[in-house]
């Protein structure tokens, strides 16, 4: 059975594997620090005005890679998706 792909789904799927700095994260989902392999669940609440900034993550050159649009996906699935993107898996 094929699922219907909407424009929003296509945009999210195309964003998988995209990297940015922590303060530039604007999609909810699961992100991985490309250098350390640590995983971060970015929820809708954390994206609300200013909430992500309250986390206070500070680094000079760390980049985060968008791994999944589902921040609550099972860890085993997120590990597999992270490894498929050739990123370190340390969560």
N, C-alpha and C. Protein backbone atom coordinates (compact mmCIF):
# COMPACT_ATOMS: atom_id res chain seq x y z
N UNK A 1 0.84 -1.18 0.00
CA UNK A 1 0.00 0.00 0.00
C UNK A 1 0.89 1.24 0.00
N UNK A 2 0.64 2.15 -0.91
CA UNK A 2 1.40 3.40 -0.97
C UNK A 2 0.65 4.47 -0.22
N UNK A 3 1.39 5.26 0.50
CA UNK A 3 0.77 6.38 1.19
C UNK A 3 0.88 7.62 0.32
N UNK A 4 -0.08 8.48 0.45
CA UNK A 4 -0.07 9.71 -0.31
C UNK A 4 0.95 10.66 0.30
N UNK A 5 1.85 11.16 -0.50
CA UNK A 5 2.86 12.09 -0.03
C UNK A 5 2.38 13.51 -0.23
N UNK A 6 2.29 14.26 0.84
CA UNK A 6 1.87 15.65 0.75
C UNK A 6 3.09 16.54 0.56
N UNK A 7 2.85 17.78 0.24
CA UNK A 7 3.95 18.73 0.06
C UNK A 7 4.74 18.86 1.35
N UNK A 8 4.07 18.96 2.52
CA UNK A 8 4.77 19.09 3.79
C UNK A 8 5.61 17.86 4.10
N UNK A 9 5.09 16.67 3.82
CA UNK A 9 5.85 15.45 4.04
C UNK A 9 7.10 15.44 3.17
N UNK A 10 6.95 15.87 1.92
CA UNK A 10 8.09 15.88 1.01
C UNK A 10 9.15 16.85 1.51
N UNK A 11 8.75 18.02 1.99
CA UNK A 11 9.71 19.00 2.50
C UNK A 11 10.46 18.43 3.70
N UNK A 12 9.73 17.79 4.62
CA UNK A 12 10.37 17.20 5.79
C UNK A 12 11.31 16.09 5.37
N UNK A 13 10.89 15.22 4.45
CA UNK A 13 11.75 14.14 4.00
C UNK A 13 13.00 14.67 3.30
N UNK A 14 12.87 15.75 2.55
CA UNK A 14 14.02 16.33 1.89
C UNK A 14 14.96 16.97 2.89
N UNK A 15 14.46 17.35 4.06
CA UNK A 15 15.28 17.98 5.08
C UNK A 15 16.09 16.96 5.88
N UNK A 16 15.71 15.68 5.82
CA UNK A 16 16.46 14.67 6.55
C UNK A 16 17.91 14.69 6.11
N UNK A 17 18.81 14.71 7.06
CA UNK A 17 20.23 14.74 6.76
C UNK A 17 20.80 16.14 6.64
N UNK A 18 19.95 17.17 6.73
CA UNK A 18 20.42 18.54 6.65
C UNK A 18 21.05 18.93 7.99
N UNK A 19 22.16 19.66 7.94
CA UNK A 19 22.85 20.08 9.16
C UNK A 19 22.77 21.58 9.35
N UNK A 20 22.78 21.98 10.62
CA UNK A 20 22.79 23.40 10.95
C UNK A 20 23.34 23.56 12.37
N UNK A 21 23.51 24.78 12.79
CA UNK A 21 23.94 25.05 14.16
C UNK A 21 22.74 24.93 15.09
N UNK A 22 23.00 24.73 16.37
CA UNK A 22 21.93 24.50 17.34
C UNK A 22 20.91 25.64 17.33
N UNK A 23 21.36 26.88 17.31
CA UNK A 23 20.43 28.01 17.36
C UNK A 23 19.66 28.21 16.06
N UNK A 24 19.97 27.43 15.01
CA UNK A 24 19.26 27.53 13.75
C UNK A 24 18.21 26.43 13.57
N UNK A 25 18.09 25.53 14.55
CA UNK A 25 17.11 24.45 14.45
C UNK A 25 15.71 25.04 14.44
N UNK A 26 14.93 24.70 13.41
CA UNK A 26 13.57 25.24 13.32
C UNK A 26 12.54 24.16 12.99
N UNK A 27 12.94 22.89 12.97
CA UNK A 27 12.02 21.77 12.74
C UNK A 27 11.96 20.90 13.97
N UNK A 28 10.74 20.54 14.36
CA UNK A 28 10.67 19.58 15.44
C UNK A 28 11.08 18.23 14.90
N UNK A 29 11.59 17.40 15.77
CA UNK A 29 12.05 16.08 15.36
C UNK A 29 13.24 15.65 16.18
N UNK A 30 13.97 14.69 15.67
CA UNK A 30 15.15 14.18 16.37
C UNK A 30 16.39 14.66 15.62
N UNK A 31 17.27 15.30 16.34
CA UNK A 31 18.50 15.86 15.80
C UNK A 31 19.68 15.21 16.48
N UNK A 32 20.77 15.05 15.76
CA UNK A 32 21.99 14.46 16.31
C UNK A 32 23.14 15.44 16.15
N UNK A 33 23.91 15.59 17.23
CA UNK A 33 25.12 16.38 17.15
C UNK A 33 26.08 15.62 16.23
N UNK A 34 26.42 16.21 15.11
CA UNK A 34 27.22 15.53 14.10
C UNK A 34 28.62 15.19 14.58
N UNK A 35 29.11 15.90 15.58
CA UNK A 35 30.46 15.66 16.09
C UNK A 35 30.48 14.62 17.20
N UNK A 36 29.54 14.72 18.14
CA UNK A 36 29.57 13.85 19.32
C UNK A 36 28.66 12.65 19.22
N UNK A 37 27.65 12.70 18.34
CA UNK A 37 26.70 11.61 18.22
C UNK A 37 25.58 11.64 19.25
N UNK A 38 25.51 12.69 20.06
CA UNK A 38 24.44 12.82 21.05
C UNK A 38 23.13 13.18 20.35
N UNK A 39 22.03 12.60 20.84
CA UNK A 39 20.73 12.85 20.24
C UNK A 39 19.90 13.83 21.03
N UNK A 40 19.09 14.62 20.33
CA UNK A 40 18.24 15.62 20.96
C UNK A 40 16.83 15.51 20.39
N UNK A 41 15.85 15.36 21.29
CA UNK A 41 14.45 15.35 20.87
C UNK A 41 13.94 16.79 20.92
N UNK A 42 13.70 17.38 19.78
CA UNK A 42 13.21 18.75 19.69
C UNK A 42 11.70 18.67 19.47
N UNK A 43 10.95 19.07 20.49
CA UNK A 43 9.49 18.99 20.46
C UNK A 43 8.89 20.34 20.08
N UNK A 44 7.59 20.34 19.85
CA UNK A 44 6.90 21.59 19.52
C UNK A 44 7.05 22.60 20.65
N UNK A 45 7.00 22.13 21.91
CA UNK A 45 7.17 23.04 23.05
C UNK A 45 8.55 23.68 23.06
N UNK A 46 9.56 22.91 22.71
CA UNK A 46 10.91 23.47 22.73
C UNK A 46 11.13 24.47 21.60
N UNK A 47 10.32 24.42 20.54
CA UNK A 47 10.45 25.37 19.45
C UNK A 47 9.65 26.66 19.66
N UNK A 48 8.79 26.65 20.68
CA UNK A 48 8.01 27.86 20.95
C UNK A 48 8.96 29.01 21.22
N UNK A 49 8.50 30.17 20.98
CA UNK A 49 9.30 31.39 21.07
C UNK A 49 10.26 31.39 22.26
N UNK A 50 11.54 31.23 21.96
CA UNK A 50 12.57 31.35 22.96
C UNK A 50 12.89 30.10 23.76
N UNK A 51 12.06 29.07 23.72
CA UNK A 51 12.31 27.90 24.56
C UNK A 51 13.59 27.17 24.19
N UNK A 52 13.91 27.06 22.92
CA UNK A 52 15.13 26.38 22.51
C UNK A 52 16.35 27.13 23.02
N UNK A 53 16.27 28.44 23.04
CA UNK A 53 17.38 29.25 23.54
C UNK A 53 17.60 29.04 25.04
N UNK A 54 16.55 28.67 25.76
CA UNK A 54 16.68 28.45 27.20
C UNK A 54 17.51 27.23 27.54
N UNK A 55 17.67 26.33 26.58
CA UNK A 55 18.49 25.15 26.83
C UNK A 55 19.93 25.57 27.09
N UNK A 56 20.36 26.62 26.43
CA UNK A 56 21.67 27.19 26.68
C UNK A 56 22.83 26.37 26.12
N UNK A 57 22.62 25.68 25.03
CA UNK A 57 23.71 24.91 24.42
C UNK A 57 24.69 25.89 23.79
N UNK A 58 25.95 25.78 24.18
CA UNK A 58 26.97 26.69 23.65
C UNK A 58 28.13 25.85 23.10
N UNK A 59 28.47 26.09 21.86
CA UNK A 59 29.61 25.41 21.23
C UNK A 59 30.10 26.25 20.06
N UNK A 60 31.36 26.10 19.73
CA UNK A 60 31.93 26.89 18.65
C UNK A 60 31.58 26.36 17.27
N UNK A 61 31.70 25.05 17.09
CA UNK A 61 31.56 24.55 15.72
C UNK A 61 30.72 23.28 15.61
N UNK A 62 29.89 22.99 16.60
CA UNK A 62 29.05 21.81 16.50
C UNK A 62 27.92 22.04 15.51
N UNK A 63 27.62 21.01 14.75
CA UNK A 63 26.49 21.03 13.83
C UNK A 63 25.55 19.90 14.20
N UNK A 64 24.29 20.12 13.95
CA UNK A 64 23.26 19.16 14.27
C UNK A 64 22.58 18.72 12.98
N UNK A 65 22.34 17.43 12.87
CA UNK A 65 21.76 16.87 11.66
C UNK A 65 20.36 16.36 11.96
N UNK A 66 19.43 16.71 11.09
CA UNK A 66 18.03 16.31 11.21
C UNK A 66 17.92 14.84 10.81
N UNK A 67 17.49 14.00 11.76
CA UNK A 67 17.45 12.56 11.55
C UNK A 67 16.02 12.05 11.35
N UNK A 68 15.07 12.61 12.09
CA UNK A 68 13.69 12.12 12.02
C UNK A 68 12.72 13.25 12.34
N UNK A 69 11.59 13.26 11.67
CA UNK A 69 10.58 14.27 11.97
C UNK A 69 9.77 13.91 13.21
N UNK A 70 9.97 12.71 13.75
CA UNK A 70 9.24 12.26 14.94
C UNK A 70 10.16 12.31 16.16
N UNK A 71 10.00 13.33 17.01
CA UNK A 71 10.88 13.41 18.18
C UNK A 71 10.66 12.29 19.19
N UNK A 72 9.54 11.58 19.09
CA UNK A 72 9.22 10.52 20.04
C UNK A 72 9.42 9.13 19.46
N UNK A 73 10.12 9.02 18.35
CA UNK A 73 10.37 7.72 17.73
C UNK A 73 11.18 6.85 18.69
N UNK A 74 11.03 5.53 18.59
CA UNK A 74 11.80 4.62 19.45
C UNK A 74 13.31 4.80 19.21
N UNK A 75 14.08 4.69 20.27
CA UNK A 75 15.52 4.86 20.19
C UNK A 75 16.15 3.91 19.17
N UNK A 76 15.67 2.67 19.13
CA UNK A 76 16.26 1.71 18.19
C UNK A 76 16.11 2.19 16.74
N UNK A 77 14.96 2.75 16.41
CA UNK A 77 14.75 3.26 15.05
C UNK A 77 15.63 4.48 14.80
N UNK A 78 15.75 5.36 15.80
CA UNK A 78 16.57 6.56 15.64
C UNK A 78 18.05 6.21 15.49
N UNK A 79 18.49 5.18 16.20
CA UNK A 79 19.88 4.73 16.04
C UNK A 79 20.13 4.24 14.62
N UNK A 80 19.19 3.48 14.09
CA UNK A 80 19.33 2.97 12.73
C UNK A 80 19.34 4.11 11.72
N UNK A 81 18.42 5.05 11.87
CA UNK A 81 18.36 6.18 10.94
C UNK A 81 19.61 7.04 11.02
N UNK A 82 20.14 7.20 12.23
CA UNK A 82 21.37 7.97 12.41
C UNK A 82 22.53 7.27 11.73
N UNK A 83 22.65 5.97 11.93
CA UNK A 83 23.73 5.21 11.30
C UNK A 83 23.59 5.24 9.78
N UNK A 84 22.36 5.22 9.26
CA UNK A 84 22.15 5.28 7.82
C UNK A 84 22.64 6.60 7.22
N UNK A 85 22.71 7.63 8.05
CA UNK A 85 23.22 8.93 7.60
C UNK A 85 24.73 9.05 7.84
N UNK A 86 25.36 7.93 8.22
CA UNK A 86 26.81 7.89 8.48
C UNK A 86 27.23 8.87 9.58
N UNK A 87 26.39 8.99 10.61
CA UNK A 87 26.70 9.83 11.76
C UNK A 87 27.07 8.94 12.94
N UNK A 88 27.85 9.46 13.88
CA UNK A 88 28.15 8.67 15.08
C UNK A 88 26.88 8.48 15.90
N UNK A 89 26.74 7.29 16.51
CA UNK A 89 25.57 6.97 17.32
C UNK A 89 26.04 6.77 18.75
N UNK A 90 25.77 7.76 19.59
CA UNK A 90 26.20 7.69 21.00
C UNK A 90 25.05 8.09 21.91
N UNK A 91 23.91 7.49 21.65
CA UNK A 91 22.74 7.72 22.51
C UNK A 91 22.01 6.42 22.68
